[in-house]
Amino acid sequence: MFLNKTPKYATRFALALSACMFIAGAAHAQSAEKKIDPLQEATDWAPAPKSSARLVAAGGLDGGAYRLGVEIALTGQALTYWRNPGDAGVPPRFDFGASRNLSYIEVDYPAPERHDEGGAEAFGWRKNVIFPVTLRPVDPARPVILDLKLEYAACEQICVPSDAHLQFELQPKTPQGAQAARIALWAARVPKPAPANAFRIARTKGAAIPTWRVTPAEPAGPESDLFAEGPDGWFFETRRVGDHFTLAAVDRPASASAPISVRLTYRTKSGATELQTRLDAAAPAP
């Protein structure tokens, strides 16, 4: 079982997972034991309650690398999660360890959406998401046999832990297929590095917990949002206030020291950027 939680919601989420454990057996997706078609553009869907998952490929080698995606489709109002799930949720896990002829692989995360789950905030997606993947083979002349063990969650009132075992054969000279445009669309939503002056950050004086005012250099439109990730044991809450955001350290280790490294992800209508920065997170003076 995998769990990424803040203490505030850990008990509620643990109970929800316990209540649905009897469903989890049905959530084990079909393992691709059948013969792999080297010309296919996608695996079969691996079904699970409220969701299904598959691998999709853009085509053969392009600049020495393959581009593909891990796609999760969801039914109803079910939600699956970003690497930082928010107040309550489970981030996905990708295990490519059994793959063959694979020297390098990177899974990217598109900028998430913010969702209200009964008073708790969750970061992720409804309906559909594709996690773009870039990989390089050991021997470019030989196919890559991709073997993915995927763990994720689909949550709607209760959370269903799901897994899929997906296999795919990538051939270097396969022509580009129909999935290439879909993978590129989600790849465009992956945050790009932001310049050092992308935000003006100022500590808020007199706040009960460490809090900052974050003002983006690019004006914040109605669809803009800001997400913050800190080290293990830290949880940051962000709120939109007019043309800026407030950033508050709502959970932190008792032995916390300052400054700390924080990753800011800023989503706008034109795309998303991210910046690694350091904040003085010392406790406010009494």
C-alpha atoms as a PDB file:
ATOM      1  CA  MET A   1       0.000   0.000   0.000  1.00  0.00           C
ATOM      2  CA  PHE A   2       1.275   3.481  -0.746  1.00  0.00           C
ATOM      3  CA  LEU A   3       0.159   6.647   0.952  1.00  0.00           C
ATOM      4  CA  ASN A   4       1.216  10.281   0.702  1.00  0.00           C
ATOM      5  CA  LYS A   5      -0.732  12.306   3.236  1.00  0.00           C
ATOM      6  CA  THR A   6      -0.744  15.226   5.536  1.00  0.00           C
ATOM      7  CA  PRO A   7      -1.518  14.362   9.189  1.00  0.00           C
ATOM      8  CA  LYS A   8      -4.685  16.443   9.068  1.00  0.00           C
ATOM      9  CA  TYR A   9      -6.450  14.004   6.755  1.00  0.00           C
ATOM     10  CA  ALA A  10      -4.500  10.778   7.339  1.00  0.00           C
ATOM     11  CA  THR A  11      -7.129   9.084   9.553  1.00  0.00           C
ATOM     12  CA  ARG A  12     -10.048   9.824   7.214  1.00  0.00           C
ATOM     13  CA  PHE A  13      -8.127   8.607   4.186  1.00  0.00           C
ATOM     14  CA  ALA A  14      -6.849   5.457   5.905  1.00  0.00           C
ATOM     15  CA  LEU A  15     -10.412   4.526   6.859  1.00  0.00           C
ATOM     16  CA  ALA A  16     -11.579   5.075   3.290  1.00  0.00           C
ATOM     17  CA  LEU A  17      -8.836   2.798   2.004  1.00  0.00           C
ATOM     18  CA  SER A  18      -9.693   0.108   4.558  1.00  0.00           C
ATOM     19  CA  ALA A  19     -13.361   0.236   3.598  1.00  0.00           C
ATOM     20  CA  CYS A  20     -12.561  -0.420  -0.038  1.00  0.00           C
ATOM     21  CA  MET A  21      -9.805  -3.012   0.324  1.00  0.00           C
ATOM     22  CA  PHE A  22     -12.221  -5.756  -0.664  1.00  0.00           C
ATOM     23  CA  ILE A  23     -12.537  -3.969  -4.009  1.00  0.00           C
ATOM     24  CA  ALA A  24      -8.793  -3.775  -4.517  1.00  0.00           C
ATOM     25  CA  GLY A  25      -8.518  -7.378  -5.669  1.00  0.00           C
ATOM     26  CA  ALA A  26     -10.764  -6.558  -8.593  1.00  0.00           C
ATOM     27  CA  ALA A  27      -8.611  -3.554  -9.388  1.00  0.00           C
ATOM     28  CA  HIS A  28      -5.629  -5.684 -10.434  1.00  0.00           C
ATOM     29  CA  ALA A  29      -5.370  -5.030 -14.139  1.00  0.00           C
ATOM     30  CA  GLN A  30      -4.762  -7.669 -16.748  1.00  0.00           C
ATOM     31  CA  SER A  31      -1.128  -8.615 -17.256  1.00  0.00           C
ATOM     32  CA  ALA A  32      -0.093  -8.557 -20.899  1.00  0.00           C
ATOM     33  CA  GLU A  33       0.968 -12.201 -21.234  1.00  0.00           C
ATOM     34  CA  LYS A  34      -0.157 -12.468 -24.856  1.00  0.00           C
ATOM     35  CA  LYS A  35       2.219 -11.977 -27.780  1.00  0.00           C
ATOM     36  CA  ILE A  36       3.245  -8.349 -28.189  1.00  0.00           C
ATOM     37  CA  ASP A  37       2.462  -6.698 -31.535  1.00  0.00           C
ATOM     38  CA  PRO A  38       5.524  -4.582 -32.458  1.00  0.00           C
ATOM     39  CA  LEU A  39       3.414  -2.312 -34.721  1.00  0.00           C
ATOM     40  CA  GLN A  40       0.755  -1.401 -32.170  1.00  0.00           C
ATOM     41  CA  GLU A  41       0.365   2.190 -30.967  1.00  0.00           C
ATOM     42  CA  ALA A  42      -1.189   1.333 -27.590  1.00  0.00           C
ATOM     43  CA  THR A  43      -1.609  -1.589 -25.247  1.00  0.00           C
ATOM     44  CA  ASP A  44      -5.061  -2.888 -24.418  1.00  0.00           C
ATOM     45  CA  TRP A  45      -6.776  -1.040 -21.587  1.00  0.00           C
ATOM     46  CA  ALA A  46      -6.157  -2.616 -18.176  1.00  0.00           C
ATOM     47  CA  PRO A  47      -9.542  -2.193 -16.449  1.00  0.00           C
ATOM     48  CA  ALA A  48     -10.096  -1.362 -12.789  1.00  0.00           C
ATOM     49  CA  PRO A  49     -13.083   0.007 -10.816  1.00  0.00           C
ATOM     50  CA  LYS A  50     -13.696   3.649 -11.854  1.00  0.00           C
ATOM     51  CA  SER A  51     -10.671   3.667 -14.182  1.00  0.00           C
ATOM     52  CA  SER A  52      -8.470   1.941 -16.727  1.00  0.00           C
ATOM     53  CA  ALA A  53      -4.850   2.363 -17.795  1.00  0.00           C
ATOM     54  CA  ARG A  54      -2.695   1.730 -20.854  1.00  0.00           C
ATOM     55  CA  LEU A  55       0.560   2.644 -22.580  1.00  0.00           C
ATOM     56  CA  VAL A  56       0.501   4.726 -25.774  1.00  0.00           C
ATOM     57  CA  ALA A  57       3.471   5.292 -28.123  1.00  0.00           C
ATOM     58  CA  ALA A  58       4.294   8.092 -30.554  1.00  0.00           C
ATOM     59  CA  GLY A  59       6.316   5.849 -32.874  1.00  0.00           C
ATOM     60  CA  GLY A  60       9.925   4.791 -33.378  1.00  0.00           C
ATOM     61  CA  LEU A  61      13.190   6.412 -32.349  1.00  0.00           C
ATOM     62  CA  ASP A  62      13.272  10.185 -32.724  1.00  0.00           C
ATOM     63  CA  GLY A  63      16.565  11.873 -31.939  1.00  0.00           C
ATOM     64  CA  GLY A  64      17.745   8.738 -30.168  1.00  0.00           C
ATOM     65  CA  ALA A  65      14.718   8.540 -27.857  1.00  0.00           C
ATOM     66  CA  TYR A  66      11.219   7.069 -27.779  1.00  0.00           C
ATOM     67  CA  ARG A  67       8.233   9.167 -26.720  1.00  0.00           C
ATOM     68  CA  LEU A  68       5.261   7.464 -25.139  1.00  0.00           C
ATOM     69  CA  GLY A  69       2.707   8.018 -22.420  1.00  0.00           C
ATOM     70  CA  VAL A  70       1.047   6.316 -19.471  1.00  0.00           C
ATOM     71  CA  GLU A  71      -2.662   7.039 -19.915  1.00  0.00           C
ATOM     72  CA  ILE A  72      -5.290   6.777 -17.176  1.00  0.00           C
ATOM     73  CA  ALA A  73      -8.969   7.168 -18.064  1.00  0.00           C
ATOM     74  CA  LEU A  74     -11.537   7.728 -15.310  1.00  0.00           C
ATOM     75  CA  THR A  75     -15.301   7.347 -15.108  1.00  0.00           C
ATOM     76  CA  GLY A  76     -17.861   9.655 -13.476  1.00  0.00           C
ATOM     77  CA  GLN A  77     -16.252  12.131 -11.073  1.00  0.00           C
ATOM     78  CA  ALA A  78     -13.363   9.837 -10.139  1.00  0.00           C
ATOM     79  CA  LEU A  79     -10.042  11.584  -9.600  1.00  0.00           C
ATOM     80  CA  THR A  80      -6.444  10.426  -9.937  1.00  0.00           C
ATOM     81  CA  TYR A  81      -3.491  12.282  -8.484  1.00  0.00           C
ATOM     82  CA  TRP A  82      -0.398  14.366  -9.189  1.00  0.00           C
ATOM     83  CA  ARG A  83       2.961  13.602  -7.541  1.00  0.00           C
ATOM     84  CA  ASN A  84       1.800  15.901  -4.699  1.00  0.00           C
ATOM     85  CA  PRO A  85      -1.818  14.778  -4.175  1.00  0.00           C
ATOM     86  CA  GLY A  86      -2.854  17.637  -1.880  1.00  0.00           C
ATOM     87  CA  ASP A  87      -4.759  17.243   1.397  1.00  0.00           C
ATOM     88  CA  ALA A  88      -5.777  13.658   0.657  1.00  0.00           C
ATOM     89  CA  GLY A  89      -4.701  11.310  -2.094  1.00  0.00           C
ATOM     90  CA  VAL A  90      -2.261   8.795  -3.492  1.00  0.00           C
ATOM     91  CA  PRO A  91       0.417   9.689  -6.068  1.00  0.00           C
ATOM     92  CA  PRO A  92       1.071   7.245  -8.926  1.00  0.00           C
ATOM     93  CA  ARG A  93       4.056   4.915  -8.915  1.00  0.00           C
ATOM     94  CA  PHE A  94       5.833   3.742 -12.065  1.00  0.00           C
ATOM     95  CA  ASP A  95       8.097   0.668 -11.967  1.00  0.00           C
ATOM     96  CA  PHE A  96       9.934  -0.075 -15.244  1.00  0.00           C
ATOM     97  CA  GLY A  97      12.504  -2.326 -13.562  1.00  0.00           C
ATOM     98  CA  ALA A  98      11.684  -5.463 -15.590  1.00  0.00           C
ATOM     99  CA  SER A  99      12.106  -3.714 -18.971  1.00  0.00           C
ATOM    100  CA  ARG A 100      14.781  -4.885 -21.435  1.00  0.00           C
ATOM    101  CA  ASN A 101      17.250  -2.843 -23.537  1.00  0.00           C
ATOM    102  CA  LEU A 102      16.421   0.244 -21.503  1.00  0.00           C
ATOM    103  CA  SER A 103      19.209   2.634 -20.426  1.00  0.00           C
ATOM    104  CA  TYR A 104      17.254   5.758 -19.385  1.00  0.00           C
ATOM    105  CA  ILE A 105      13.635   6.621 -18.669  1.00  0.00           C
ATOM    106  CA  GLU A 106      11.881   9.725 -17.342  1.00  0.00           C
ATOM    107  CA  VAL A 107       8.194  10.161 -16.500  1.00  0.00           C
ATOM    108  CA  ASP A 108       6.929  13.752 -16.600  1.00  0.00           C
ATOM    109  CA  TYR A 109       3.960  15.201 -14.710  1.00  0.00           C
ATOM    110  CA  PRO A 110       1.647  17.697 -16.415  1.00  0.00           C
ATOM    111  CA  ALA A 111       0.637  20.650 -14.245  1.00  0.00           C
ATOM    112  CA  PRO A 112      -2.349  19.505 -12.147  1.00  0.00           C
ATOM    113  CA  GLU A 113      -5.829  20.846 -11.534  1.00  0.00           C
ATOM    114  CA  ARG A 114      -7.131  21.778  -8.083  1.00  0.00           C
ATOM    115  CA  HIS A 115     -10.279  19.902  -6.959  1.00  0.00           C
ATOM    116  CA  ASP A 116     -12.532  20.195  -3.908  1.00  0.00           C
ATOM    117  CA  GLU A 117     -13.171  16.811  -2.284  1.00  0.00           C
ATOM    118  CA  GLY A 118     -15.660  17.435   0.506  1.00  0.00           C
ATOM    119  CA  GLY A 119     -13.692  20.286   2.050  1.00  0.00           C
ATOM    120  CA  ALA A 120     -10.271  18.805   1.299  1.00  0.00           C
ATOM    121  CA  GLU A 121      -8.198  19.959  -1.668  1.00  0.00           C
ATOM    122  CA  ALA A 122      -6.808  17.407  -4.102  1.00  0.00           C
ATOM    123  CA  PHE A 123      -4.382  17.966  -6.973  1.00  0.00           C
ATOM    124  CA  GLY A 124      -4.845  15.794 -10.020  1.00  0.00           C
ATOM    125  CA  TRP A 125      -7.184  15.084 -12.909  1.00  0.00           C
ATOM    126  CA  ARG A 126     -10.658  13.847 -13.722  1.00  0.00           C
ATOM    127  CA  LYS A 127     -11.705  12.118 -16.958  1.00  0.00           C
ATOM    128  CA  ASN A 128      -8.245  11.539 -18.445  1.00  0.00           C
ATOM    129  CA  VAL A 129      -4.518  12.155 -18.053  1.00  0.00           C
ATOM    130  CA  ILE A 130      -1.395  11.131 -19.975  1.00  0.00           C
ATOM    131  CA  PHE A 131       1.979  11.130 -18.189  1.00  0.00           C
ATOM    132  CA  PRO A 132       4.564  11.744 -20.957  1.00  0.00           C
ATOM    133  CA  VAL A 133       7.537   9.358 -20.938  1.00  0.00           C
ATOM    134  CA  THR A 134      10.939   9.703 -22.614  1.00  0.00           C
ATOM    135  CA  LEU A 135      13.249   6.701 -22.831  1.00  0.00           C
ATOM    136  CA  ARG A 136      16.532   5.749 -24.468  1.00  0.00           C
ATOM    137  CA  PRO A 137      17.660   2.210 -25.376  1.00  0.00           C
ATOM    138  CA  VAL A 138      20.965   0.567 -24.561  1.00  0.00           C
ATOM    139  CA  ASP A 139      21.241  -0.623 -28.187  1.00  0.00           C
ATOM    140  CA  PRO A 140      19.313   1.614 -30.607  1.00  0.00           C
ATOM    141  CA  ALA A 141      19.273  -1.101 -33.276  1.00  0.00           C
ATOM    142  CA  ARG A 142      17.317  -3.501 -31.088  1.00  0.00           C
ATOM    143  CA  PRO A 143      13.713  -3.175 -29.831  1.00  0.00           C
ATOM    144  CA  VAL A 144      12.923  -2.097 -26.281  1.00  0.00           C
ATOM    145  CA  ILE A 145      10.645  -4.445 -24.339  1.00  0.00           C
ATOM    146  CA  LEU A 146       8.898  -2.134 -21.933  1.00  0.00           C
ATOM    147  CA  ASP A 147       7.474  -3.674 -18.767  1.00  0.00           C
ATOM    148  CA  LEU A 148       5.533  -1.317 -16.470  1.00  0.00           C
ATOM    149  CA  LYS A 149       4.036  -2.062 -13.095  1.00  0.00           C
ATOM    150  CA  LEU A 150       1.775   0.901 -12.360  1.00  0.00           C
ATOM    151  CA  GLU A 151       0.134   1.762  -9.035  1.00  0.00           C
ATOM    152  CA  TYR A 152      -2.389   4.581  -8.797  1.00  0.00           C
ATOM    153  CA  ALA A 153      -5.725   5.489  -7.215  1.00  0.00           C
ATOM    154  CA  ALA A 154      -9.148   6.422  -8.556  1.00  0.00           C
ATOM    155  CA  CYS A 155     -11.146   8.270  -5.918  1.00  0.00           C
ATOM    156  CA  GLU A 156     -14.826   9.186  -5.865  1.00  0.00           C
ATOM    157  CA  GLN A 157     -16.196   9.276  -2.283  1.00  0.00           C
ATOM    158  CA  ILE A 158     -13.987   6.271  -1.547  1.00  0.00           C
ATOM    159  CA  CYS A 159     -10.517   5.576  -2.945  1.00  0.00           C
ATOM    160  CA  VAL A 160      -9.826   2.452  -4.967  1.00  0.00           C
ATOM    161  CA  PRO A 161      -6.131   1.457  -5.080  1.00  0.00           C
ATOM    162  CA  SER A 162      -5.495   0.131  -8.578  1.00  0.00           C
ATOM    163  CA  ASP A 163      -2.597  -1.429 -10.434  1.00  0.00           C
ATOM    164  CA  ALA A 164      -1.774  -2.408 -13.989  1.00  0.00           C
ATOM    165  CA  HIS A 165       0.917  -4.584 -15.545  1.00  0.00           C
ATOM    166  CA  LEU A 166       1.564  -3.310 -19.062  1.00  0.00           C
ATOM    167  CA  GLN A 167       4.053  -4.543 -21.652  1.00  0.00           C
ATOM    168  CA  PHE A 168       4.998  -2.913 -24.922  1.00  0.00           C
ATOM    169  CA  GLU A 169       7.539  -3.537 -27.683  1.00  0.00           C
ATOM    170  CA  LEU A 170       9.144  -0.436 -29.190  1.00  0.00           C
ATOM    171  CA  GLN A 171      10.745  -0.819 -32.614  1.00  0.00           C
ATOM    172  CA  PRO A 172      13.245   1.834 -33.783  1.00  0.00           C
ATOM    173  CA  LYS A 173      11.746   2.262 -37.283  1.00  0.00           C
ATOM    174  CA  THR A 174       8.031   2.247 -36.427  1.00  0.00           C
ATOM    175  CA  PRO A 175       6.341   5.214 -38.191  1.00  0.00           C
ATOM    176  CA  GLN A 176       4.773   7.976 -36.149  1.00  0.00           C
ATOM    177  CA  GLY A 177       1.161   7.138 -35.328  1.00  0.00           C
ATOM    178  CA  ALA A 178      -2.057   8.789 -34.211  1.00  0.00           C
ATOM    179  CA  GLN A 179      -1.012   8.785 -30.527  1.00  0.00           C
ATOM    180  CA  ALA A 180       1.902  11.157 -31.170  1.00  0.00           C
ATOM    181  CA  ALA A 181      -0.315  14.263 -31.180  1.00  0.00           C
ATOM    182  CA  ARG A 182      -2.081  13.227 -27.957  1.00  0.00           C
ATOM    183  CA  ILE A 183       1.225  12.622 -26.168  1.00  0.00           C
ATOM    184  CA  ALA A 184       2.545  15.985 -27.425  1.00  0.00           C
ATOM    185  CA  LEU A 185      -0.581  17.754 -26.128  1.00  0.00           C
ATOM    186  CA  TRP A 186       0.028  16.503 -22.589  1.00  0.00           C
ATOM    187  CA  ALA A 187       3.789  17.059 -22.878  1.00  0.00           C
ATOM    188  CA  ALA A 188       3.015  20.734 -23.566  1.00  0.00           C
ATOM    189  CA  ARG A 189       1.346  20.863 -20.125  1.00  0.00           C
ATOM    190  CA  VAL A 190       4.503  19.720 -18.336  1.00  0.00           C
ATOM    191  CA  PRO A 191       6.018  22.728 -16.512  1.00  0.00           C
ATOM    192  CA  LYS A 192       9.091  24.291 -18.102  1.00  0.00           C
ATOM    193  CA  PRO A 193      11.903  25.833 -16.021  1.00  0.00           C
ATOM    194  CA  ALA A 194      11.060  29.348 -14.874  1.00  0.00           C
ATOM    195  CA  PRO A 195      13.606  32.194 -14.759  1.00  0.00           C
ATOM    196  CA  ALA A 196      14.938  33.193 -11.369  1.00  0.00           C
ATOM    197  CA  ASN A 197      12.842  36.391 -11.435  1.00  0.00           C
ATOM    198  CA  ALA A 198       9.571  34.568 -12.212  1.00  0.00           C
ATOM    199  CA  PHE A 199       8.203  35.388  -8.736  1.00  0.00           C
ATOM    200  CA  ARG A 200       8.572  38.120  -6.167  1.00  0.00           C
ATOM    201  CA  ILE A 201       8.461  36.387  -2.776  1.00  0.00           C
ATOM    202  CA  ALA A 202       8.149  38.251   0.532  1.00  0.00           C
ATOM    203  CA  ARG A 203       7.694  36.883   4.056  1.00  0.00           C
ATOM    204  CA  THR A 204       4.425  37.971   5.675  1.00  0.00           C
ATOM    205  CA  LYS A 205       5.058  39.653   9.001  1.00  0.00           C
ATOM    206  CA  GLY A 206       2.875  38.792  11.982  1.00  0.00           C
ATOM    207  CA  ALA A 207       1.480  35.537  10.540  1.00  0.00           C
ATOM    208  CA  ALA A 208       0.830  32.718  13.039  1.00  0.00           C
ATOM    209  CA  ILE A 209       2.699  30.212  10.809  1.00  0.00           C
ATOM    210  CA  PRO A 210       5.447  30.809   8.222  1.00  0.00           C
ATOM    211  CA  THR A 211       3.649  32.560   5.339  1.00  0.00           C
ATOM    212  CA  TRP A 212       4.794  34.304   2.169  1.00  0.00           C
ATOM    213  CA  ARG A 213       3.279  36.544  -0.479  1.00  0.00           C
ATOM    214  CA  VAL A 214       4.127  35.207  -3.952  1.00  0.00           C
ATOM    215  CA  THR A 215       3.584  37.610  -6.845  1.00  0.00           C
ATOM    216  CA  PRO A 216       4.166  36.143 -10.341  1.00  0.00           C
ATOM    217  CA  ALA A 217       5.968  38.265 -12.926  1.00  0.00           C
ATOM    218  CA  GLU A 218       3.412  36.962 -15.461  1.00  0.00           C
ATOM    219  CA  PRO A 219       0.037  38.400 -14.406  1.00  0.00           C
ATOM    220  CA  ALA A 220      -2.261  35.852 -12.792  1.00  0.00           C
ATOM    221  CA  GLY A 221      -5.356  35.317 -14.926  1.00  0.00           C
ATOM    222  CA  PRO A 222      -8.561  33.660 -13.680  1.00  0.00           C
ATOM    223  CA  GLU A 223      -7.290  30.203 -14.675  1.00  0.00           C
ATOM    224  CA  SER A 224      -3.871  30.614 -13.042  1.00  0.00           C
ATOM    225  CA  ASP A 225      -2.880  28.526 -10.022  1.00  0.00           C
ATOM    226  CA  LEU A 226       0.164  27.953  -7.845  1.00  0.00           C
ATOM    227  CA  PHE A 227       1.314  24.712  -6.193  1.00  0.00           C
ATOM    228  CA  ALA A 228       4.181  24.304  -3.735  1.00  0.00           C
ATOM    229  CA  GLU A 229       6.181  21.209  -2.743  1.00  0.00           C
ATOM    230  CA  GLY A 230       8.685  21.033   0.075  1.00  0.00           C
ATOM    231  CA  PRO A 231      10.894  18.380   1.687  1.00  0.00           C
ATOM    232  CA  ASP A 232       9.437  15.302   3.404  1.00  0.00           C
ATOM    233  CA  GLY A 233       7.305  16.274   6.376  1.00  0.00           C
ATOM    234  CA  TRP A 234       6.405  19.700   4.979  1.00  0.00           C
ATOM    235  CA  PHE A 235       3.026  20.628   3.517  1.00  0.00           C
ATOM    236  CA  PHE A 236       2.333  24.005   1.939  1.00  0.00           C
ATOM    237  CA  GLU A 237      -1.061  25.559   1.311  1.00  0.00           C
ATOM    238  CA  THR A 238      -1.492  28.093  -1.494  1.00  0.00           C
ATOM    239  CA  ARG A 239      -4.353  30.548  -1.975  1.00  0.00           C
ATOM    240  CA  ARG A 240      -5.117  33.025  -4.748  1.00  0.00           C
ATOM    241  CA  VAL A 241      -5.598  36.607  -3.496  1.00  0.00           C
ATOM    242  CA  GLY A 242      -6.140  39.083  -6.339  1.00  0.00           C
ATOM    243  CA  ASP A 243      -2.933  39.388  -8.366  1.00  0.00           C
ATOM    244  CA  HIS A 244      -0.825  37.264  -6.012  1.00  0.00           C
ATOM    245  CA  PHE A 245      -0.847  34.056  -3.941  1.00  0.00           C
ATOM    246  CA  THR A 246      -0.306  33.326  -0.277  1.00  0.00           C
ATOM    247  CA  LEU A 247       1.946  30.391   0.574  1.00  0.00           C
ATOM    248  CA  ALA A 248       1.746  28.954   4.092  1.00  0.00           C
ATOM    249  CA  ALA A 249       3.671  26.119   5.765  1.00  0.00           C
ATOM    250  CA  VAL A 250       0.692  24.410   7.433  1.00  0.00           C
ATOM    251  CA  ASP A 251       2.608  21.240   8.389  1.00  0.00           C
ATOM    252  CA  ARG A 252       6.312  20.948   9.140  1.00  0.00           C
ATOM    253  CA  PRO A 253       8.618  18.708  11.190  1.00  0.00           C
ATOM    254  CA  ALA A 254       9.127  19.634  14.835  1.00  0.00           C
ATOM    255  CA  SER A 255      12.893  19.729  14.230  1.00  0.00           C
ATOM    256  CA  ALA A 256      12.576  21.889  11.102  1.00  0.00           C
ATOM    257  CA  SER A 257      15.455  24.155  10.221  1.00  0.00           C
ATOM    258  CA  ALA A 258      15.592  27.059   7.798  1.00  0.00           C
ATOM    259  CA  PRO A 259      15.979  27.857   4.983  1.00  0.00           C
ATOM    260  CA  ILE A 260      14.370  25.010   3.021  1.00  0.00           C
ATOM    261  CA  SER A 261      14.125  24.186  -0.676  1.00  0.00           C
ATOM    262  CA  VAL A 262      10.638  24.516  -2.203  1.00  0.00           C
ATOM    263  CA  ARG A 263       9.456  23.770  -5.739  1.00  0.00           C
ATOM    264  CA  LEU A 264       6.823  26.169  -7.078  1.00  0.00           C
ATOM    265  CA  THR A 265       4.634  25.125 -10.025  1.00  0.00           C
ATOM    266  CA  TYR A 266       2.728  27.949 -11.690  1.00  0.00           C
ATOM    267  CA  ARG A 267      -0.039  27.081 -14.154  1.00  0.00           C
ATOM    268  CA  THR A 268      -1.415  29.711 -16.550  1.00  0.00           C
ATOM    269  CA  LYS A 269      -3.559  29.741 -19.674  1.00  0.00           C
ATOM    270  CA  SER A 270      -0.425  29.815 -21.833  1.00  0.00           C
ATOM    271  CA  GLY A 271       1.339  26.941 -20.077  1.00  0.00           C
ATOM    272  CA  ALA A 272       3.104  26.037 -16.849  1.00  0.00           C
ATOM    273  CA  THR A 273       6.489  26.789 -15.308  1.00  0.00           C
ATOM    274  CA  GLU A 274       8.310  25.649 -12.192  1.00  0.00           C
ATOM    275  CA  LEU A 275      11.013  27.104 -10.019  1.00  0.00           C
ATOM    276  CA  GLN A 276      13.145  25.631  -7.252  1.00  0.00           C
ATOM    277  CA  THR A 277      13.716  28.260  -4.591  1.00  0.00           C
ATOM    278  CA  ARG A 278      14.742  28.544  -0.942  1.00  0.00           C
ATOM    279  CA  LEU A 279      12.546  30.019   1.773  1.00  0.00           C
ATOM    280  CA  ASP A 280      13.402  31.123   5.273  1.00  0.00           C
ATOM    281  CA  ALA A 281      10.920  28.899   7.094  1.00  0.00           C
ATOM    282  CA  ALA A 282      11.964  29.734  10.629  1.00  0.00           C
ATOM    283  CA  ALA A 283       9.052  29.874  13.067  1.00  0.00           C
ATOM    284  CA  PRO A 284       7.537  33.345  13.490  1.00  0.00           C
ATOM    285  CA  ALA A 285       8.862  35.342  16.413  1.00  0.00           C
ATOM    286  CA  PRO A 286       6.523  35.266  19.458  1.00  0.00           C
END
